Structure formats: C-alpha cells, structure tokens
C-alpha cells in the first residue's frame, strides 16, 4: 500500500467534516449511519463469542433470546464514574 493511501481514501470525509464545522451544516453521512454500521460488526462478534445466533430488537435496542450475548453488550463502569 503506498504511503498516504489511507489519507487519500478518507480525504473526502475529512473535507466534509471541516465544511460542516465551518458552515454549521450537517455532515453528508451522520452519526446514525456510523452507529448502524458498527452495530453489525458488534453483533457479529457476539455471535462468534457465544457460538449462538443473535436477534436484535431495534426498537428496544437490545438482544432477544440470548442471555449470554445480552450480558456482553454492557459492562460496569469503573469507580468513580457513573451515569447521573
């Protein structure tokens, strides 16, 4: 891979982000899209770790019917951090 190849691939995203900061307009591809894309990878990883299928409830945003995988989607916060 040539030097700077990654910068070339992501240049459009960076320029879009800078434009959004300067103008206050939204980015071309918002956080919702990124979250959904990442969710597919995370759910796939849970299938691999548990060796079981995972069913996702998008309304409740939780795993259905796989208690082992459901427990893995959150971990306790380290003290002294907490959600108020």
PDB file of N, CA and C in Angstrom:
ATOM      1  N   UNK A   1       0.843  -1.170   0.000  1.00  0.00           N
ATOM      2  CA  UNK A   1       0.000   0.000   0.000  1.00  0.00           C
ATOM      3  C   UNK A   1       0.894   1.242   0.000  1.00  0.00           C
ATOM      4  N   UNK A   2       0.689   2.158  -0.922  1.00  0.00           N
ATOM      5  CA  UNK A   2       1.538   3.339  -0.986  1.00  0.00           C
ATOM      6  C   UNK A   2       1.353   4.248   0.233  1.00  0.00           C
ATOM      7  N   UNK A   3       2.408   4.964   0.552  1.00  0.00           N
ATOM      8  CA  UNK A   3       2.358   5.895   1.674  1.00  0.00           C
ATOM      9  C   UNK A   3       1.297   6.957   1.392  1.00  0.00           C
ATOM     10  N   UNK A   4       0.472   7.236   2.426  1.00  0.00           N
ATOM     11  CA  UNK A   4      -0.567   8.229   2.264  1.00  0.00           C
ATOM     12  C   UNK A   4      -1.853   7.692   1.667  1.00  0.00           C
ATOM     13  N   UNK A   5      -1.904   6.391   1.407  1.00  0.00           N
ATOM     14  CA  UNK A   5      -3.080   5.792   0.777  1.00  0.00           C
ATOM     15  C   UNK A   5      -4.330   5.999   1.625  1.00  0.00           C
ATOM     16  N   UNK A   6      -4.219   5.791   2.945  1.00  0.00           N
ATOM     17  CA  UNK A   6      -5.378   5.962   3.826  1.00  0.00           C
ATOM     18  C   UNK A   6      -5.856   7.408   3.811  1.00  0.00           C
ATOM     19  N   UNK A   7      -4.936   8.364   3.795  1.00  0.00           N
ATOM     20  CA  UNK A   7      -5.333   9.769   3.753  1.00  0.00           C
ATOM     21  C   UNK A   7      -6.099  10.067   2.473  1.00  0.00           C
ATOM     22  N   UNK A   8      -5.704   9.458   1.370  1.00  0.00           N
ATOM     23  CA  UNK A   8      -6.392   9.650   0.098  1.00  0.00           C
ATOM     24  C   UNK A   8      -7.809   9.096   0.175  1.00  0.00           C
ATOM     25  N   UNK A   9      -7.960   7.919   0.801  1.00  0.00           N
ATOM     26  CA  UNK A   9      -9.276   7.298   0.910  1.00  0.00           C
ATOM     27  C   UNK A   9     -10.231   8.105   1.789  1.00  0.00           C
ATOM     28  N   UNK A  10      -9.705   8.733   2.824  1.00  0.00           N
ATOM     29  CA  UNK A  10     -10.569   9.428   3.789  1.00  0.00           C
ATOM     30  C   UNK A  10     -10.601  10.938   3.585  1.00  0.00           C
ATOM     31  N   UNK A  11      -9.934  11.457   2.583  1.00  0.00           N
ATOM     32  CA  UNK A  11      -9.862  12.908   2.378  1.00  0.00           C
ATOM     33  C   UNK A  11     -11.247  13.525   2.218  1.00  0.00           C
ATOM     34  N   UNK A  12     -12.134  12.874   1.495  1.00  0.00           N
ATOM     35  CA  UNK A  12     -13.480  13.401   1.302  1.00  0.00           C
ATOM     36  C   UNK A  12     -14.241  13.517   2.613  1.00  0.00           C
ATOM     37  N   UNK A  13     -14.080  12.521   3.486  1.00  0.00           N
ATOM     38  CA  UNK A  13     -14.736  12.559   4.793  1.00  0.00           C
ATOM     39  C   UNK A  13     -14.199  13.706   5.636  1.00  0.00           C
ATOM     40  N   UNK A  14     -12.898  13.877   5.607  1.00  0.00           N
ATOM     41  CA  UNK A  14     -12.283  14.959   6.387  1.00  0.00           C
ATOM     42  C   UNK A  14     -12.734  16.325   5.872  1.00  0.00           C
ATOM     43  N   UNK A  15     -12.760  16.482   4.565  1.00  0.00           N
ATOM     44  CA  UNK A  15     -13.189  17.754   3.980  1.00  0.00           C
ATOM     45  C   UNK A  15     -14.653  18.036   4.309  1.00  0.00           C
ATOM     46  N   UNK A  16     -15.491  17.002   4.279  1.00  0.00           N
ATOM     47  CA  UNK A  16     -16.899  17.159   4.615  1.00  0.00           C
ATOM     48  C   UNK A  16     -17.052  17.576   6.075  1.00  0.00           C
ATOM     49  N   UNK A  17     -16.268  16.982   6.958  1.00  0.00           N
ATOM     50  CA  UNK A  17     -16.307  17.299   8.391  1.00  0.00           C
ATOM     51  C   UNK A  17     -15.889  18.748   8.634  1.00  0.00           C
ATOM     52  N   UNK A  18     -14.823  19.167   7.993  1.00  0.00           N
ATOM     53  CA  UNK A  18     -14.346  20.552   8.138  1.00  0.00           C
ATOM     54  C   UNK A  18     -15.385  21.527   7.590  1.00  0.00           C
ATOM     55  N   UNK A  19     -16.008  21.208   6.442  1.00  0.00           N
ATOM     56  CA  UNK A  19     -17.054  22.048   5.877  1.00  0.00           C
ATOM     57  C   UNK A  19     -18.219  22.182   6.849  1.00  0.00           C
ATOM     58  N   UNK A  20     -18.604  21.081   7.477  1.00  0.00           N
ATOM     59  CA  UNK A  20     -19.714  21.111   8.428  1.00  0.00           C
ATOM     60  C   UNK A  20     -19.386  21.986   9.635  1.00  0.00           C
ATOM     61  N   UNK A  21     -18.155  21.926  10.100  1.00  0.00           N
ATOM     62  CA  UNK A  21     -17.740  22.764  11.231  1.00  0.00           C
ATOM     63  C   UNK A  21     -17.798  24.237  10.841  1.00  0.00           C
ATOM     64  N   UNK A  22     -17.270  24.553   9.680  1.00  0.00           N
ATOM     65  CA  UNK A  22     -17.206  25.958   9.250  1.00  0.00           C
ATOM     66  C   UNK A  22     -18.579  26.556   8.943  1.00  0.00           C
ATOM     67  N   UNK A  23     -19.454  25.753   8.373  1.00  0.00           N
ATOM     68  CA  UNK A  23     -20.742  26.290   7.921  1.00  0.00           C
ATOM     69  C   UNK A  23     -21.897  25.982   8.864  1.00  0.00           C
ATOM     70  N   UNK A  24     -21.700  25.027   9.758  1.00  0.00           N
ATOM     71  CA  UNK A  24     -22.787  24.627  10.648  1.00  0.00           C
ATOM     72  C   UNK A  24     -23.784  23.690   9.989  1.00  0.00           C
ATOM     73  N   UNK A  25     -23.501  23.278   8.769  1.00  0.00           N
ATOM     74  CA  UNK A  25     -24.395  22.351   8.068  1.00  0.00           C
ATOM     75  C   UNK A  25     -24.074  20.916   8.499  1.00  0.00           C
ATOM     76  N   UNK A  26     -25.020  19.997   8.314  1.00  0.00           N
ATOM     77  CA  UNK A  26     -24.760  18.612   8.723  1.00  0.00           C
ATOM     78  C   UNK A  26     -23.732  17.936   7.818  1.00  0.00           C
ATOM     79  N   UNK A  27     -23.074  16.921   8.355  1.00  0.00           N
ATOM     80  CA  UNK A  27     -22.145  16.133   7.546  1.00  0.00           C
ATOM     81  C   UNK A  27     -22.951  15.276   6.576  1.00  0.00           C
ATOM     82  N   UNK A  28     -22.316  14.847   5.514  1.00  0.00           N
ATOM     83  CA  UNK A  28     -23.011  14.079   4.483  1.00  0.00           C
ATOM     84  C   UNK A  28     -23.535  12.752   5.023  1.00  0.00           C
ATOM     85  N   UNK A  29     -22.776  12.124   5.889  1.00  0.00           N
ATOM     86  CA  UNK A  29     -23.168  10.835   6.451  1.00  0.00           C
ATOM     87  C   UNK A  29     -23.102  10.951   7.959  1.00  0.00           C
ATOM     88  N   UNK A  30     -24.247  11.069   8.616  1.00  0.00           N
ATOM     89  CA  UNK A  30     -24.306  11.363  10.032  1.00  0.00           C
ATOM     90  C   UNK A  30     -23.951  10.204  10.949  1.00  0.00           C
ATOM     91  N   UNK A  31     -23.992  10.490  12.227  1.00  0.00           N
ATOM     92  CA  UNK A  31     -23.609   9.524  13.254  1.00  0.00           C
ATOM     93  C   UNK A  31     -24.535   8.310  13.251  1.00  0.00           C
ATOM     94  N   UNK A  32     -25.799   8.495  12.898  1.00  0.00           N
ATOM     95  CA  UNK A  32     -26.739   7.371  12.890  1.00  0.00           C
ATOM     96  C   UNK A  32     -26.267   6.278  11.936  1.00  0.00           C
ATOM     97  N   UNK A  33     -25.777   6.682  10.796  1.00  0.00           N
ATOM     98  CA  UNK A  33     -25.273   5.720   9.819  1.00  0.00           C
ATOM     99  C   UNK A  33     -24.051   4.984  10.359  1.00  0.00           C
ATOM    100  N   UNK A  34     -23.171   5.706  11.013  1.00  0.00           N
ATOM    101  CA  UNK A  34     -21.966   5.091  11.582  1.00  0.00           C
ATOM    102  C   UNK A  34     -22.333   4.100  12.679  1.00  0.00           C
ATOM    103  N   UNK A  35     -23.291   4.468  13.513  1.00  0.00           N
ATOM    104  CA  UNK A  35     -23.714   3.583  14.608  1.00  0.00           C
ATOM    105  C   UNK A  35     -24.307   2.302  14.050  1.00  0.00           C
ATOM    106  N   UNK A  36     -25.148   2.412  13.046  1.00  0.00           N
ATOM    107  CA  UNK A  36     -25.757   1.217  12.445  1.00  0.00           C
ATOM    108  C   UNK A  36     -24.709   0.320  11.802  1.00  0.00           C
ATOM    109  N   UNK A  37     -23.753   0.922  11.135  1.00  0.00           N
ATOM    110  CA  UNK A  37     -22.690   0.136  10.507  1.00  0.00           C
ATOM    111  C   UNK A  37     -21.862  -0.597  11.554  1.00  0.00           C
ATOM    112  N   UNK A  38     -21.540   0.088  12.645  1.00  0.00           N
ATOM    113  CA  UNK A  38     -20.739  -0.516  13.702  1.00  0.00           C
ATOM    114  C   UNK A  38     -21.527  -1.604  14.424  1.00  0.00           C
ATOM    115  N   UNK A  39     -22.832  -1.438  14.551  1.00  0.00           N
ATOM    116  CA  UNK A  39     -23.666  -2.415  15.239  1.00  0.00           C
ATOM    117  C   UNK A  39     -23.583  -3.783  14.576  1.00  0.00           C
ATOM    118  N   UNK A  40     -23.532  -3.827  13.261  1.00  0.00           N
ATOM    119  CA  UNK A  40     -23.436  -5.095  12.539  1.00  0.00           C
ATOM    120  C   UNK A  40     -22.166  -5.843  12.974  1.00  0.00           C
ATOM    121  N   UNK A  41     -21.056  -5.146  13.064  1.00  0.00           N
ATOM    122  CA  UNK A  41     -19.804  -5.770  13.491  1.00  0.00           C
ATOM    123  C   UNK A  41     -19.883  -6.248  14.931  1.00  0.00           C
ATOM    124  N   UNK A  42     -20.459  -5.427  15.794  1.00  0.00           N
ATOM    125  CA  UNK A  42     -20.551  -5.805  17.204  1.00  0.00           C
ATOM    126  C   UNK A  42     -21.448  -7.025  17.408  1.00  0.00           C
ATOM    127  N   UNK A  43     -22.576  -7.069  16.718  1.00  0.00           N
ATOM    128  CA  UNK A  43     -23.464  -8.220  16.846  1.00  0.00           C
ATOM    129  C   UNK A  43     -22.819  -9.480  16.266  1.00  0.00           C
ATOM    130  N   UNK A  44     -22.078  -9.329  15.192  1.00  0.00           N
ATOM    131  CA  UNK A  44     -21.357 -10.470  14.617  1.00  0.00           C
ATOM    132  C   UNK A  44     -20.327 -11.005  15.603  1.00  0.00           C
ATOM    133  N   UNK A  45     -19.632 -10.108  16.275  1.00  0.00           N
ATOM    134  CA  UNK A  45     -18.645 -10.508  17.275  1.00  0.00           C
ATOM    135  C   UNK A  45     -19.314 -11.280  18.420  1.00  0.00           C
ATOM    136  N   UNK A  46     -20.503 -10.853  18.829  1.00  0.00           N
ATOM    137  CA  UNK A  46     -21.225 -11.566  19.884  1.00  0.00           C
ATOM    138  C   UNK A  46     -21.616 -12.969  19.436  1.00  0.00           C
ATOM    139  N   UNK A  47     -21.976 -13.134  18.169  1.00  0.00           N
ATOM    140  CA  UNK A  47     -22.275 -14.465  17.631  1.00  0.00           C
ATOM    141  C   UNK A  47     -21.047 -15.361  17.720  1.00  0.00           C
ATOM    142  N   UNK A  48     -19.907 -14.807  17.364  1.00  0.00           N
ATOM    143  CA  UNK A  48     -18.664 -15.574  17.407  1.00  0.00           C
ATOM    144  C   UNK A  48     -18.313 -15.949  18.838  1.00  0.00           C
ATOM    145  N   UNK A  49     -18.388 -14.988  19.754  1.00  0.00           N
ATOM    146  CA  UNK A  49     -18.006 -15.240  21.153  1.00  0.00           C
ATOM    147  C   UNK A  49     -18.933 -16.230  21.848  1.00  0.00           C
ATOM    148  N   UNK A  50     -20.231 -16.156  21.564  1.00  0.00           N
ATOM    149  CA  UNK A  50     -21.176 -17.048  22.236  1.00  0.00           C
ATOM    150  C   UNK A  50     -21.406 -18.343  21.467  1.00  0.00           C
ATOM    151  N   UNK A  51     -21.072 -18.353  20.185  1.00  0.00           N
ATOM    152  CA  UNK A  51     -21.338 -19.529  19.354  1.00  0.00           C
ATOM    153  C   UNK A  51     -22.818 -19.714  19.067  1.00  0.00           C
ATOM    154  N   UNK A  52     -23.593 -18.654  19.245  1.00  0.00           N
ATOM    155  CA  UNK A  52     -25.031 -18.719  19.058  1.00  0.00           C
ATOM    156  C   UNK A  52     -25.503 -17.560  18.174  1.00  0.00           C
ATOM    157  N   UNK A  53     -26.705 -17.734  17.621  1.00  0.00           N
ATOM    158  CA  UNK A  53     -27.313 -16.658  16.840  1.00  0.00           C
ATOM    159  C   UNK A  53     -27.729 -15.528  17.774  1.00  0.00           C
ATOM    160  N   UNK A  54     -27.762 -14.323  17.222  1.00  0.00           N
ATOM    161  CA  UNK A  54     -28.176 -13.143  17.986  1.00  0.00           C
ATOM    162  C   UNK A  54     -29.322 -12.476  17.231  1.00  0.00           C
ATOM    163  N   UNK A  55     -30.405 -12.209  17.951  1.00  0.00           N
ATOM    164  CA  UNK A  55     -31.538 -11.451  17.384  1.00  0.00           C
ATOM    165  C   UNK A  55     -31.551 -10.085  18.030  1.00  0.00           C
ATOM    166  N   UNK A  56     -31.613  -9.043  17.224  1.00  0.00           N
ATOM    167  CA  UNK A  56     -31.555  -7.659  17.696  1.00  0.00           C
ATOM    168  C   UNK A  56     -32.933  -7.030  17.581  1.00  0.00           C
ATOM    169  N   UNK A  57     -33.399  -6.413  18.664  1.00  0.00           N
ATOM    170  CA  UNK A  57     -34.650  -5.660  18.651  1.00  0.00           C
ATOM    171  C   UNK A  57     -34.280  -4.192  18.463  1.00  0.00           C
ATOM    172  N   UNK A  58     -34.496  -3.622  17.267  1.00  0.00           N
ATOM    173  CA  UNK A  58     -34.075  -2.246  17.020  1.00  0.00           C
ATOM    174  C   UNK A  58     -34.909  -1.201  17.771  1.00  0.00           C
ATOM    175  N   UNK A  59     -36.132  -1.551  18.149  1.00  0.00           N
ATOM    176  CA  UNK A  59     -36.968  -0.607  18.877  1.00  0.00           C
ATOM    177  C   UNK A  59     -36.482  -0.478  20.317  1.00  0.00           C
ATOM    178  N   UNK A  60     -36.277  -1.623  20.976  1.00  0.00           N
ATOM    179  CA  UNK A  60     -35.805  -1.620  22.367  1.00  0.00           C
ATOM    180  C   UNK A  60     -34.284  -1.518  22.464  1.00  0.00           C
ATOM    181  N   UNK A  61     -33.609  -1.673  21.320  1.00  0.00           N
ATOM    182  CA  UNK A  61     -32.147  -1.647  21.248  1.00  0.00           C
ATOM    183  C   UNK A  61     -31.522  -2.623  22.239  1.00  0.00           C
ATOM    184  N   UNK A  62     -31.947  -3.882  22.104  1.00  0.00           N
ATOM    185  CA  UNK A  62     -31.414  -4.935  22.958  1.00  0.00           C
ATOM    186  C   UNK A  62     -31.428  -6.261  22.208  1.00  0.00           C
ATOM    187  N   UNK A  63     -30.739  -7.229  22.770  1.00  0.00           N
ATOM    188  CA  UNK A  63     -30.667  -8.566  22.195  1.00  0.00           C
ATOM    189  C   UNK A  63     -31.810  -9.397  22.769  1.00  0.00           C
ATOM    190  N   UNK A  64     -32.434 -10.191  21.917  1.00  0.00           N
ATOM    191  CA  UNK A  64     -33.559 -11.037  22.306  1.00  0.00           C
ATOM    192  C   UNK A  64     -33.120 -12.499  22.286  1.00  0.00           C
ATOM    193  N   UNK A  65     -33.445 -13.235  23.352  1.00  0.00           N
ATOM    194  CA  UNK A  65     -33.286 -14.685  23.350  1.00  0.00           C
ATOM    195  C   UNK A  65     -31.875 -15.215  23.479  1.00  0.00           C
ATOM    196  N   UNK A  66     -30.924 -14.403  23.832  1.00  0.00           N
ATOM    197  CA  UNK A  66     -29.553 -14.874  24.020  1.00  0.00           C
ATOM    198  C   UNK A  66     -28.983 -14.124  25.230  1.00  0.00           C
ATOM    199  N   UNK A  67     -29.212 -14.669  26.403  1.00  0.00           N
ATOM    200  CA  UNK A  67     -28.822 -14.009  27.642  1.00  0.00           C
ATOM    201  C   UNK A  67     -27.314 -13.775  27.728  1.00  0.00           C
ATOM    202  N   UNK A  68     -26.523 -14.738  27.259  1.00  0.00           N
ATOM    203  CA  UNK A  68     -25.066 -14.579  27.317  1.00  0.00           C
ATOM    204  C   UNK A  68     -24.618 -13.382  26.486  1.00  0.00           C
ATOM    205  N   UNK A  69     -25.156 -13.241  25.290  1.00  0.00           N
ATOM    206  CA  UNK A  69     -24.795 -12.113  24.428  1.00  0.00           C
ATOM    207  C   UNK A  69     -25.325 -10.803  24.994  1.00  0.00           C
ATOM    208  N   UNK A  70     -26.541 -10.835  25.545  1.00  0.00           N
ATOM    209  CA  UNK A  70     -27.130  -9.619  26.114  1.00  0.00           C
ATOM    210  C   UNK A  70     -26.281  -9.077  27.259  1.00  0.00           C
ATOM    211  N   UNK A  71     -25.744  -9.969  28.071  1.00  0.00           N
ATOM    212  CA  UNK A  71     -24.891  -9.537  29.186  1.00  0.00           C
ATOM    213  C   UNK A  71     -23.582  -8.922  28.703  1.00  0.00           C
ATOM    214  N   UNK A  72     -23.161  -9.287  27.511  1.00  0.00           N
ATOM    215  CA  UNK A  72     -21.888  -8.794  26.982  1.00  0.00           C
ATOM    216  C   UNK A  72     -21.993  -7.404  26.352  1.00  0.00           C
ATOM    217  N   UNK A  73     -23.211  -6.890  26.139  1.00  0.00           N
ATOM    218  CA  UNK A  73     -23.322  -5.603  25.458  1.00  0.00           C
ATOM    219  C   UNK A  73     -23.050  -4.420  26.381  1.00  0.00           C
ATOM    220  N   UNK A  74     -23.028  -4.655  27.680  1.00  0.00           N
ATOM    221  CA  UNK A  74     -22.696  -3.590  28.622  1.00  0.00           C
ATOM    222  C   UNK A  74     -21.736  -4.126  29.660  1.00  0.00           C
ATOM    223  N   UNK A  75     -20.878  -3.266  30.125  1.00  0.00           N
ATOM    224  CA  UNK A  75     -20.013  -3.656  31.231  1.00  0.00           C
ATOM    225  C   UNK A  75     -20.084  -2.568  32.292  1.00  0.00           C
ATOM    226  N   UNK A  76     -19.845  -2.930  33.537  1.00  0.00           N
ATOM    227  CA  UNK A  76     -19.941  -1.945  34.606  1.00  0.00           C
ATOM    228  C   UNK A  76     -18.914  -0.833  34.432  1.00  0.00           C
ATOM    229  N   UNK A  77     -19.314   0.362  34.821  1.00  0.00           N
ATOM    230  CA  UNK A  77     -18.393   1.491  34.771  1.00  0.00           C
ATOM    231  C   UNK A  77     -17.418   1.389  35.948  1.00  0.00           C
ATOM    232  N   UNK A  78     -16.198   1.847  35.728  1.00  0.00           N
ATOM    233  CA  UNK A  78     -15.209   1.855  36.804  1.00  0.00           C
ATOM    234  C   UNK A  78     -15.464   3.030  37.730  1.00  0.00           C
ATOM    235  N   UNK A  79     -15.298   2.764  39.003  1.00  0.00           N
ATOM    236  CA  UNK A  79     -15.441   3.827  40.008  1.00  0.00           C
ATOM    237  C   UNK A  79     -14.366   4.881  39.757  1.00  0.00           C
ATOM    238  N   UNK A  80     -14.645   6.113  39.917  1.00  0.00           N
ATOM    239  CA  UNK A  80     -15.830   6.739  40.465  1.00  0.00           C
ATOM    240  C   UNK A  80     -16.843   7.137  39.390  1.00  0.00           C
ATOM    241  N   UNK A  81     -16.710   6.668  38.168  1.00  0.00           N
ATOM    242  CA  UNK A  81     -17.584   7.093  37.078  1.00  0.00           C
ATOM    243  C   UNK A  81     -18.967   6.490  37.215  1.00  0.00           C
ATOM    244  N   UNK A  82     -19.972   7.284  36.846  1.00  0.00           N
ATOM    245  CA  UNK A  82     -21.355   6.823  36.860  1.00  0.00           C
ATOM    246  C   UNK A  82     -22.187   7.707  35.945  1.00  0.00           C
ATOM    247  N   UNK A  83     -23.340   7.198  35.545  1.00  0.00           N
ATOM    248  CA  UNK A  83     -24.268   7.977  34.747  1.00  0.00           C
ATOM    249  C   UNK A  83     -25.256   8.607  35.706  1.00  0.00           C
ATOM    250  N   UNK A  84     -25.385   9.924  35.648  1.00  0.00           N
ATOM    251  CA  UNK A  84     -26.280  10.622  36.594  1.00  0.00           C
ATOM    252  C   UNK A  84     -27.716  10.523  36.150  1.00  0.00           C
TER     253      UNK A  84
END
